[in-house]
C-alpha atoms as a PDB file:
ATOM      1  CA  UNK A   1      80.654 174.174  66.539  1.00  0.00           C
ATOM      2  CA  UNK A   2      77.179 175.697  66.900  1.00  0.00           C
ATOM      3  CA  UNK A   3      75.521 179.032  66.126  1.00  0.00           C
ATOM      4  CA  UNK A   4      72.369 180.880  67.106  1.00  0.00           C
ATOM      5  CA  UNK A   5      71.876 184.429  65.857  1.00  0.00           C
ATOM      6  CA  UNK A   6      74.932 186.517  66.693  1.00  0.00           C
ATOM      7  CA  UNK A   7      76.488 183.910  68.998  1.00  0.00           C
ATOM      8  CA  UNK A   8      78.962 181.250  67.879  1.00  0.00           C
ATOM      9  CA  UNK A   9      80.105 178.375  70.122  1.00  0.00           C
ATOM     10  CA  UNK A  10      83.338 176.481  69.409  1.00  0.00           C
ATOM     11  CA  UNK A  11      84.551 173.427  71.293  1.00  0.00           C
ATOM     12  CA  UNK A  12      88.221 172.723  71.985  1.00  0.00           C
ATOM     13  CA  UNK A  13      88.103 169.265  73.536  1.00  0.00           C
ATOM     14  CA  UNK A  14      91.874 168.690  73.439  1.00  0.00           C
ATOM     15  CA  UNK A  15      92.689 171.859  75.382  1.00  0.00           C
ATOM     16  CA  UNK A  16      94.856 171.416  78.504  1.00  0.00           C
ATOM     17  CA  UNK A  17      95.575 167.675  78.260  1.00  0.00           C
ATOM     18  CA  UNK A  18      92.125 166.908  76.858  1.00  0.00           C
ATOM     19  CA  UNK A  19      90.380 168.556  79.773  1.00  0.00           C
ATOM     20  CA  UNK A  20      88.686 170.690  77.168  1.00  0.00           C
ATOM     21  CA  UNK A  21      87.099 174.105  76.968  1.00  0.00           C
ATOM     22  CA  UNK A  22      84.500 175.990  74.961  1.00  0.00           C
ATOM     23  CA  UNK A  23      84.732 179.481  73.464  1.00  0.00           C
ATOM     24  CA  UNK A  24      81.721 181.735  72.971  1.00  0.00           C
ATOM     25  CA  UNK A  25      81.967 184.559  70.440  1.00  0.00           C
ATOM     26  CA  UNK A  26      79.304 187.294  70.261  1.00  0.00           C
ATOM     27  CA  UNK A  27      78.787 190.394  68.139  1.00  0.00           C
ATOM     28  CA  UNK A  28      76.434 193.361  68.145  1.00  0.00           C
ATOM     29  CA  UNK A  29      77.720 195.044  64.983  1.00  0.00           C
ATOM     30  CA  UNK A  30      77.783 192.348  62.315  1.00  0.00           C
ATOM     31  CA  UNK A  31      81.202 190.983  63.349  1.00  0.00           C
ATOM     32  CA  UNK A  32      83.086 194.219  62.905  1.00  0.00           C
ATOM     33  CA  UNK A  33      83.948 193.577  66.551  1.00  0.00           C
ATOM     34  CA  UNK A  34      83.157 190.713  68.877  1.00  0.00           C
ATOM     35  CA  UNK A  35      83.510 189.548  72.449  1.00  0.00           C
ATOM     36  CA  UNK A  36      84.942 186.224  73.565  1.00  0.00           C
ATOM     37  CA  UNK A  37      84.407 184.202  76.728  1.00  0.00           C
ATOM     38  CA  UNK A  38      85.734 180.821  77.739  1.00  0.00           C
ATOM     39  CA  UNK A  39      83.628 178.120  79.397  1.00  0.00           C
ATOM     40  CA  UNK A  40      85.104 175.274  81.418  1.00  0.00           C
ATOM     41  CA  UNK A  41      83.553 172.680  83.692  1.00  0.00           C
ATOM     42  CA  UNK A  42      83.523 173.445  87.398  1.00  0.00           C
ATOM     43  CA  UNK A  43      84.798 169.918  88.049  1.00  0.00           C
ATOM     44  CA  UNK A  44      87.133 169.756  85.035  1.00  0.00           C
ATOM     45  CA  UNK A  45      89.615 166.906  84.823  1.00  0.00           C
ATOM     46  CA  UNK A  46      92.181 165.732  82.302  1.00  0.00           C
ATOM     47  CA  UNK A  47      90.864 163.555  79.476  1.00  0.00           C
ATOM     48  CA  UNK A  48      87.194 164.521  80.006  1.00  0.00           C
ATOM     49  CA  UNK A  49      87.083 165.879  76.422  1.00  0.00           C
ATOM     50  CA  UNK A  50      84.802 168.722  77.493  1.00  0.00           C
ATOM     51  CA  UNK A  51      83.705 170.495  74.314  1.00  0.00           C
ATOM     52  CA  UNK A  52      83.741 167.518  71.974  1.00  0.00           C
ATOM     53  CA  UNK A  53      80.098 168.343  71.253  1.00  0.00           C
ATOM     54  CA  UNK A  54      78.280 171.674  71.627  1.00  0.00           C
ATOM     55  CA  UNK A  55      74.810 173.078  70.974  1.00  0.00           C
ATOM     56  CA  UNK A  56      73.102 176.407  71.568  1.00  0.00           C
ATOM     57  CA  UNK A  57      69.560 177.761  71.781  1.00  0.00           C
ATOM     58  CA  UNK A  58      69.170 181.405  72.757  1.00  0.00           C
ATOM     59  CA  UNK A  59      70.966 182.031  76.037  1.00  0.00           C
ATOM     60  CA  UNK A  60      71.601 178.337  76.777  1.00  0.00           C
ATOM     61  CA  UNK A  61      74.641 176.314  75.710  1.00  0.00           C
ATOM     62  CA  UNK A  62      75.034 172.535  76.031  1.00  0.00           C
ATOM     63  CA  UNK A  63      78.502 170.978  76.167  1.00  0.00           C
ATOM     64  CA  UNK A  64      79.339 167.277  76.060  1.00  0.00           C
ATOM     65  CA  UNK A  65      82.219 165.632  77.939  1.00  0.00           C
ATOM     66  CA  UNK A  66      81.968 162.022  76.873  1.00  0.00           C
ATOM     67  CA  UNK A  67      85.001 160.728  78.756  1.00  0.00           C
ATOM     68  CA  UNK A  68      84.062 162.209  82.135  1.00  0.00           C
ATOM     69  CA  UNK A  69      84.409 159.494  84.783  1.00  0.00           C
ATOM     70  CA  UNK A  70      81.513 160.642  86.981  1.00  0.00           C
ATOM     71  CA  UNK A  71      79.599 157.351  86.614  1.00  0.00           C
ATOM     72  CA  UNK A  72      82.549 155.099  85.907  1.00  0.00           C
ATOM     73  CA  UNK A  73      85.481 155.356  83.524  1.00  0.00           C
ATOM     74  CA  UNK A  74      84.309 157.034  80.328  1.00  0.00           C
ATOM     75  CA  UNK A  75      80.677 157.189  81.414  1.00  0.00           C
ATOM     76  CA  UNK A  76      80.387 160.789  80.240  1.00  0.00           C
ATOM     77  CA  UNK A  77      78.419 163.897  81.122  1.00  0.00           C
ATOM     78  CA  UNK A  78      76.941 167.077  79.657  1.00  0.00           C
ATOM     79  CA  UNK A  79      76.858 170.616  81.010  1.00  0.00           C
ATOM     80  CA  UNK A  80      74.153 173.269  80.632  1.00  0.00           C
ATOM     81  CA  UNK A  81      75.327 176.882  80.751  1.00  0.00           C
ATOM     82  CA  UNK A  82      72.745 179.679  80.844  1.00  0.00           C
ATOM     83  CA  UNK A  83      72.971 183.467  81.008  1.00  0.00           C
ATOM     84  CA  UNK A  84      70.657 186.422  81.505  1.00  0.00           C
ATOM     85  CA  UNK A  85      73.219 189.190  80.932  1.00  0.00           C
ATOM     86  CA  UNK A  86      74.986 188.373  77.675  1.00  0.00           C
ATOM     87  CA  UNK A  87      77.463 185.927  79.253  1.00  0.00           C
ATOM     88  CA  UNK A  88      78.921 188.377  81.725  1.00  0.00           C
ATOM     89  CA  UNK A  89      77.771 185.788  84.255  1.00  0.00           C
ATOM     90  CA  UNK A  90      76.253 182.342  83.820  1.00  0.00           C
ATOM     91  CA  UNK A  91      74.886 179.326  85.667  1.00  0.00           C
ATOM     92  CA  UNK A  92      76.083 175.753  85.211  1.00  0.00           C
ATOM     93  CA  UNK A  93      74.165 172.481  85.553  1.00  0.00           C
ATOM     94  CA  UNK A  94      75.692 169.042  85.047  1.00  0.00           C
ATOM     95  CA  UNK A  95      73.686 166.247  83.408  1.00  0.00           C
ATOM     96  CA  UNK A  96      74.338 162.530  83.725  1.00  0.00           C
ATOM     97  CA  UNK A  97      72.264 159.512  82.748  1.00  0.00           C
ATOM     98  CA  UNK A  98      70.096 157.944  85.431  1.00  0.00           C
ATOM     99  CA  UNK A  99      71.677 154.583  84.558  1.00  0.00           C
ATOM    100  CA  UNK A 100      75.221 155.808  83.927  1.00  0.00           C
ATOM    101  CA  UNK A 101      77.894 153.140  83.553  1.00  0.00           C
ATOM    102  CA  UNK A 102      81.511 152.921  82.466  1.00  0.00           C
ATOM    103  CA  UNK A 103      82.260 153.459  78.770  1.00  0.00           C
ATOM    104  CA  UNK A 104      78.791 154.797  77.873  1.00  0.00           C
ATOM    105  CA  UNK A 105      80.265 157.908  76.181  1.00  0.00           C
ATOM    106  CA  UNK A 106      77.285 159.987  77.305  1.00  0.00           C
ATOM    107  CA  UNK A 107      77.797 163.468  75.874  1.00  0.00           C
ATOM    108  CA  UNK A 108      79.389 162.374  72.630  1.00  0.00           C
ATOM    109  CA  UNK A 109      76.593 164.292  70.917  1.00  0.00           C
ATOM    110  CA  UNK A 110      74.211 166.983  72.210  1.00  0.00           C
ATOM    111  CA  UNK A 111      71.276 169.000  70.887  1.00  0.00           C
ATOM    112  CA  UNK A 112      68.862 171.555  72.324  1.00  0.00           C
ATOM    113  CA  UNK A 113      65.582 173.167  71.362  1.00  0.00           C
ATOM    114  CA  UNK A 114      63.886 175.430  73.874  1.00  0.00           C
ATOM    115  CA  UNK A 115      63.688 173.609  77.184  1.00  0.00           C
ATOM    116  CA  UNK A 116      64.500 170.163  75.780  1.00  0.00           C
ATOM    117  CA  UNK A 117      68.017 168.702  75.607  1.00  0.00           C
ATOM    118  CA  UNK A 118      69.049 165.473  73.864  1.00  0.00           C
ATOM    119  CA  UNK A 119      72.298 163.689  74.743  1.00  0.00           C
ATOM    120  CA  UNK A 120      73.724 160.723  72.871  1.00  0.00           C
ATOM    121  CA  UNK A 121      75.550 157.806  74.506  1.00  0.00           C
ATOM    122  CA  UNK A 122      76.678 155.779  71.504  1.00  0.00           C
ATOM    123  CA  UNK A 123      78.415 152.996  73.449  1.00  0.00           C
ATOM    124  CA  UNK A 124      75.650 152.390  76.004  1.00  0.00           C
ATOM    125  CA  UNK A 125      74.163 148.925  76.407  1.00  0.00           C
ATOM    126  CA  UNK A 126      72.543 146.865  79.154  1.00  0.00           C
ATOM    127  CA  UNK A 127      73.658 143.268  79.263  1.00  0.00           C
ATOM    128  CA  UNK A 128      71.868 141.002  78.459  1.00  0.00           C
ATOM    129  CA  UNK A 129      68.785 142.975  77.379  1.00  0.00           C
ATOM    130  CA  UNK A 130      70.391 145.112  74.653  1.00  0.00           C
ATOM    131  CA  UNK A 131      73.161 144.348  72.155  1.00  0.00           C
ATOM    132  CA  UNK A 132      76.741 145.263  72.999  1.00  0.00           C
ATOM    133  CA  UNK A 133      77.397 149.008  72.541  1.00  0.00           C
ATOM    134  CA  UNK A 134      74.189 149.430  70.543  1.00  0.00           C
ATOM    135  CA  UNK A 135      73.740 152.959  71.896  1.00  0.00           C
ATOM    136  CA  UNK A 136      71.124 155.179  73.537  1.00  0.00           C
ATOM    137  CA  UNK A 137      69.907 158.789  73.393  1.00  0.00           C
ATOM    138  CA  UNK A 138      68.502 160.550  76.469  1.00  0.00           C
ATOM    139  CA  UNK A 139      65.949 163.362  76.558  1.00  0.00           C
ATOM    140  CA  UNK A 140      65.945 165.955  79.364  1.00  0.00           C
ATOM    141  CA  UNK A 141      63.435 168.710  80.057  1.00  0.00           C
ATOM    142  CA  UNK A 142      63.167 171.670  82.413  1.00  0.00           C
ATOM    143  CA  UNK A 143      60.467 171.104  85.057  1.00  0.00           C
ATOM    144  CA  UNK A 144      61.077 174.283  87.048  1.00  0.00           C
ATOM    145  CA  UNK A 145      61.976 177.113  84.694  1.00  0.00           C
ATOM    146  CA  UNK A 146      65.634 176.246  84.249  1.00  0.00           C
ATOM    147  CA  UNK A 147      66.996 175.523  87.728  1.00  0.00           C
ATOM    148  CA  UNK A 148      67.237 171.789  86.988  1.00  0.00           C
ATOM    149  CA  UNK A 149      66.818 169.358  84.096  1.00  0.00           C
ATOM    150  CA  UNK A 150      64.920 166.082  84.442  1.00  0.00           C
ATOM    151  CA  UNK A 151      65.492 162.951  82.352  1.00  0.00           C
ATOM    152  CA  UNK A 152      62.146 162.196  80.701  1.00  0.00           C
ATOM    153  CA  UNK A 153      62.953 159.609  78.031  1.00  0.00           C
ATOM    154  CA  UNK A 154      65.520 157.063  76.950  1.00  0.00           C
ATOM    155  CA  UNK A 155      65.499 156.340  73.223  1.00  0.00           C
ATOM    156  CA  UNK A 156      66.736 153.133  71.624  1.00  0.00           C
ATOM    157  CA  UNK A 157      66.506 151.682  68.120  1.00  0.00           C
ATOM    158  CA  UNK A 158      63.660 149.264  67.425  1.00  0.00           C
ATOM    159  CA  UNK A 159      66.101 146.925  65.684  1.00  0.00           C
ATOM    160  CA  UNK A 160      69.263 147.576  67.709  1.00  0.00           C
ATOM    161  CA  UNK A 161      72.388 145.639  66.782  1.00  0.00           C
ATOM    162  CA  UNK A 162      75.843 145.376  68.305  1.00  0.00           C
ATOM    163  CA  UNK A 163      78.110 148.406  67.939  1.00  0.00           C
ATOM    164  CA  UNK A 164      75.616 150.370  65.811  1.00  0.00           C
ATOM    165  CA  UNK A 165      76.727 153.604  67.526  1.00  0.00           C
ATOM    166  CA  UNK A 166      73.125 154.780  67.878  1.00  0.00           C
ATOM    167  CA  UNK A 167      73.447 158.209  69.477  1.00  0.00           C
ATOM    168  CA  UNK A 168      76.709 159.209  67.807  1.00  0.00           C
ATOM    169  CA  UNK A 169      74.722 162.190  66.443  1.00  0.00           C
ATOM    170  CA  UNK A 170      71.478 163.792  67.621  1.00  0.00           C
ATOM    171  CA  UNK A 171      69.223 166.649  66.541  1.00  0.00           C
ATOM    172  CA  UNK A 172      65.950 168.093  67.786  1.00  0.00           C
ATOM    173  CA  UNK A 173      63.307 170.524  66.658  1.00  0.00           C
ATOM    174  CA  UNK A 174      59.970 170.820  68.404  1.00  0.00           C
ATOM    175  CA  UNK A 175      58.413 167.369  68.836  1.00  0.00           C
ATOM    176  CA  UNK A 176      60.959 165.594  66.607  1.00  0.00           C
ATOM    177  CA  UNK A 177      64.246 163.980  67.625  1.00  0.00           C
ATOM    178  CA  UNK A 178      66.649 162.452  65.098  1.00  0.00           C
ATOM    179  CA  UNK A 179      69.366 160.013  66.173  1.00  0.00           C
ATOM    180  CA  UNK A 180      72.201 158.809  63.950  1.00  0.00           C
ATOM    181  CA  UNK A 181      73.659 155.296  64.058  1.00  0.00           C
ATOM    182  CA  UNK A 182      76.543 155.458  61.600  1.00  0.00           C
ATOM    183  CA  UNK A 183      77.612 151.811  62.030  1.00  0.00           C
ATOM    184  CA  UNK A 184      74.119 150.286  61.852  1.00  0.00           C
ATOM    185  CA  UNK A 185      72.940 147.642  59.421  1.00  0.00           C
ATOM    186  CA  UNK A 186      74.152 144.242  58.266  1.00  0.00           C
ATOM    187  CA  UNK A 187      76.867 145.925  56.186  1.00  0.00           C
ATOM    188  CA  UNK A 188      77.520 148.756  58.670  1.00  0.00           C
ATOM    189  CA  UNK A 189      76.436 151.360  56.119  1.00  0.00           C
ATOM    190  CA  UNK A 190      74.586 153.359  58.789  1.00  0.00           C
ATOM    191  CA  UNK A 191      71.104 154.727  59.471  1.00  0.00           C
ATOM    192  CA  UNK A 192      69.174 157.462  61.250  1.00  0.00           C
ATOM    193  CA  UNK A 193      66.058 157.129  63.396  1.00  0.00           C
ATOM    194  CA  UNK A 194      63.219 159.616  63.792  1.00  0.00           C
ATOM    195  CA  UNK A 195      61.281 159.871  67.048  1.00  0.00           C
ATOM    196  CA  UNK A 196      58.282 162.049  67.873  1.00  0.00           C
ATOM    197  CA  UNK A 197      56.300 162.963  70.948  1.00  0.00           C
ATOM    198  CA  UNK A 198      52.584 163.672  71.050  1.00  0.00           C
ATOM    199  CA  UNK A 199      52.337 164.416  74.763  1.00  0.00           C
ATOM    200  CA  UNK A 200      54.754 167.271  75.299  1.00  0.00           C
ATOM    201  CA  UNK A 201      57.809 165.077  75.699  1.00  0.00           C
ATOM    202  CA  UNK A 202      56.552 162.664  78.340  1.00  0.00           C
ATOM    203  CA  UNK A 203      57.028 159.812  75.857  1.00  0.00           C
ATOM    204  CA  UNK A 204      58.581 159.404  72.417  1.00  0.00           C
ATOM    205  CA  UNK A 205      57.792 156.905  69.660  1.00  0.00           C
ATOM    206  CA  UNK A 206      59.950 155.829  66.755  1.00  0.00           C
ATOM    207  CA  UNK A 207      58.218 156.859  63.529  1.00  0.00           C
ATOM    208  CA  UNK A 208      60.849 156.188  60.877  1.00  0.00           C
ATOM    209  CA  UNK A 209      64.190 154.614  60.134  1.00  0.00           C
ATOM    210  CA  UNK A 210      66.155 156.328  57.372  1.00  0.00           C
ATOM    211  CA  UNK A 211      68.760 154.668  55.170  1.00  0.00           C
ATOM    212  CA  UNK A 212      70.333 155.664  51.874  1.00  0.00           C
ATOM    213  CA  UNK A 213      68.889 154.268  48.670  1.00  0.00           C
ATOM    214  CA  UNK A 214      72.379 153.705  47.282  1.00  0.00           C
ATOM    215  CA  UNK A 215      74.045 152.274  50.381  1.00  0.00           C
ATOM    216  CA  UNK A 216      77.421 150.750  49.625  1.00  0.00           C
ATOM    217  CA  UNK A 217      78.450 147.306  50.717  1.00  0.00           C
ATOM    218  CA  UNK A 218      80.193 148.639  53.819  1.00  0.00           C
ATOM    219  CA  UNK A 219      81.065 151.692  55.858  1.00  0.00           C
ATOM    220  CA  UNK A 220      79.207 154.624  54.281  1.00  0.00           C
ATOM    221  CA  UNK A 221      78.915 156.190  57.764  1.00  0.00           C
ATOM    222  CA  UNK A 222      75.366 157.330  56.999  1.00  0.00           C
ATOM    223  CA  UNK A 223      74.082 158.959  60.188  1.00  0.00           C
ATOM    224  CA  UNK A 224      77.475 160.357  61.182  1.00  0.00           C
ATOM    225  CA  UNK A 225      75.772 163.761  61.353  1.00  0.00           C
ATOM    226  CA  UNK A 226      72.062 164.625  61.426  1.00  0.00           C
ATOM    227  CA  UNK A 227      69.927 167.757  61.367  1.00  0.00           C
ATOM    228  CA  UNK A 228      66.186 168.494  61.369  1.00  0.00           C
ATOM    229  CA  UNK A 229      64.051 171.474  60.371  1.00  0.00           C
ATOM    230  CA  UNK A 230      60.294 170.952  60.297  1.00  0.00           C
ATOM    231  CA  UNK A 231      59.562 167.810  58.289  1.00  0.00           C
ATOM    232  CA  UNK A 232      63.013 167.836  56.659  1.00  0.00           C
ATOM    233  CA  UNK A 233      65.799 165.601  57.955  1.00  0.00           C
ATOM    234  CA  UNK A 234      69.388 165.667  56.659  1.00  0.00           C
ATOM    235  CA  UNK A 235      71.892 162.882  57.266  1.00  0.00           C
ATOM    236  CA  UNK A 236      75.582 163.007  56.416  1.00  0.00           C
ATOM    237  CA  UNK A 237      77.541 159.998  55.164  1.00  0.00           C
ATOM    238  CA  UNK A 238      81.121 161.199  55.354  1.00  0.00           C
ATOM    239  CA  UNK A 239      82.764 157.989  54.127  1.00  0.00           C
ATOM    240  CA  UNK A 240      80.643 158.220  50.978  1.00  0.00           C
ATOM    241  CA  UNK A 241      81.140 161.958  50.584  1.00  0.00           C
ATOM    242  CA  UNK A 242      77.403 162.597  50.476  1.00  0.00           C
ATOM    243  CA  UNK A 243      74.467 164.126  52.310  1.00  0.00           C
ATOM    244  CA  UNK A 244      70.894 162.881  52.078  1.00  0.00           C
ATOM    245  CA  UNK A 245      67.722 164.916  52.494  1.00  0.00           C
ATOM    246  CA  UNK A 246      64.443 163.283  53.565  1.00  0.00           C
ATOM    247  CA  UNK A 247      60.910 164.556  53.971  1.00  0.00           C
ATOM    248  CA  UNK A 248      59.276 162.831  56.924  1.00  0.00           C
ATOM    249  CA  UNK A 249      55.495 163.372  57.234  1.00  0.00           C
ATOM    250  CA  UNK A 250      53.728 163.799  60.553  1.00  0.00           C
ATOM    251  CA  UNK A 251      52.299 160.382  61.512  1.00  0.00           C
ATOM    252  CA  UNK A 252      50.816 159.690  64.920  1.00  0.00           C
ATOM    253  CA  UNK A 253      53.117 157.145  66.635  1.00  0.00           C
ATOM    254  CA  UNK A 254      52.250 154.815  69.463  1.00  0.00           C
ATOM    255  CA  UNK A 255      54.086 156.596  72.329  1.00  0.00           C
ATOM    256  CA  UNK A 256      56.861 154.568  73.891  1.00  0.00           C
ATOM    257  CA  UNK A 257      60.247 155.276  75.422  1.00  0.00           C
ATOM    258  CA  UNK A 258      61.314 151.668  74.871  1.00  0.00           C
ATOM    259  CA  UNK A 259      62.354 150.019  71.638  1.00  0.00           C
ATOM    260  CA  UNK A 260      59.429 149.138  69.349  1.00  0.00           C
ATOM    261  CA  UNK A 261      59.044 145.560  68.225  1.00  0.00           C
ATOM    262  CA  UNK A 262      59.078 146.396  64.545  1.00  0.00           C
ATOM    263  CA  UNK A 263      59.240 149.407  62.280  1.00  0.00           C
ATOM    264  CA  UNK A 264      58.375 147.499  59.119  1.00  0.00           C
ATOM    265  CA  UNK A 265      55.082 149.354  58.658  1.00  0.00           C
ATOM    266  CA  UNK A 266      56.860 152.651  58.891  1.00  0.00           C
ATOM    267  CA  UNK A 267      59.428 151.610  56.320  1.00  0.00           C
ATOM    268  CA  UNK A 268      56.725 150.301  53.970  1.00  0.00           C
ATOM    269  CA  UNK A 269      54.220 153.099  53.939  1.00  0.00           C
ATOM    270  CA  UNK A 270      54.644 156.160  56.062  1.00  0.00           C
ATOM    271  CA  UNK A 271      57.880 157.628  54.775  1.00  0.00           C
ATOM    272  CA  UNK A 272      57.842 159.919  51.747  1.00  0.00           C
ATOM    273  CA  UNK A 273      61.444 160.431  50.835  1.00  0.00           C
ATOM    274  CA  UNK A 274      63.158 163.000  48.731  1.00  0.00           C
ATOM    275  CA  UNK A 275      66.763 162.012  48.248  1.00  0.00           C
ATOM    276  CA  UNK A 276      69.534 164.392  47.387  1.00  0.00           C
ATOM    277  CA  UNK A 277      72.986 162.922  47.014  1.00  0.00           C
ATOM    278  CA  UNK A 278      75.750 165.494  47.257  1.00  0.00           C
ATOM    279  CA  UNK A 279      78.735 163.586  45.964  1.00  0.00           C
ATOM    280  CA  UNK A 280      82.187 165.001  46.339  1.00  0.00           C
ATOM    281  CA  UNK A 281      82.671 164.850  42.589  1.00  0.00           C
ATOM    282  CA  UNK A 282      79.696 167.133  42.010  1.00  0.00           C
ATOM    283  CA  UNK A 283      81.549 170.035  43.511  1.00  0.00           C
ATOM    284  CA  UNK A 284      84.177 169.755  40.810  1.00  0.00           C
ATOM    285  CA  UNK A 285      81.649 170.179  37.999  1.00  0.00           C
END
């Protein structure tokens, strides 16, 4: 589900034998009444799971279909829908990774801010250069006012490990991209990575890796969901029943679209963290 102003977007990925669809609800009178439209992929097929992830910014909606077979079984895709007349009509653009391969799960997560779209592919890996199913996030931008989107960056973790699920969640605001990896770490407690661009999105550098101060021995699922607003990053850890809030200052990273050799300096000195643990038990107090 996603919302922007008076428009709400809801995915229904199991609709019609997991072909999937997306519903767009809009109001002009504070939800006394509303309109509803249904979005589907022009090349829809069973088990694509269209609508498993959705995002919206203004008059543009992004929809993930992570089991689309366009680049091999389960390679995945994402669709960009845009309107200029309140969704009476719309255009549709399909995104795929430049290096799409079977079982990437591209489209499992999506995010948008202005003319920049981020798509997660949490099972992506490139044998033998990256660990098995370590995961990737792709950044797309509009080079021509919205007619097409161009892949400009491919983000990976500096310390990628097997089956970390990097890219299972993504978020973007301005120059900052946050990518969750809910199965990362030696005990699979999870993490989230922060990337920034200093050149308008041509390149991105990893500036921080976030983990919980009270990580359990195993399976917290930290990074299952992520969000960003200014210098504030929030990461959900659903297995722990908690959410964590971080303040990430504005360092100047060394731009790179490839994995950095080490983020130890970032962990040691550049991250000022404010931690808020929202435990499930707190709600009962």
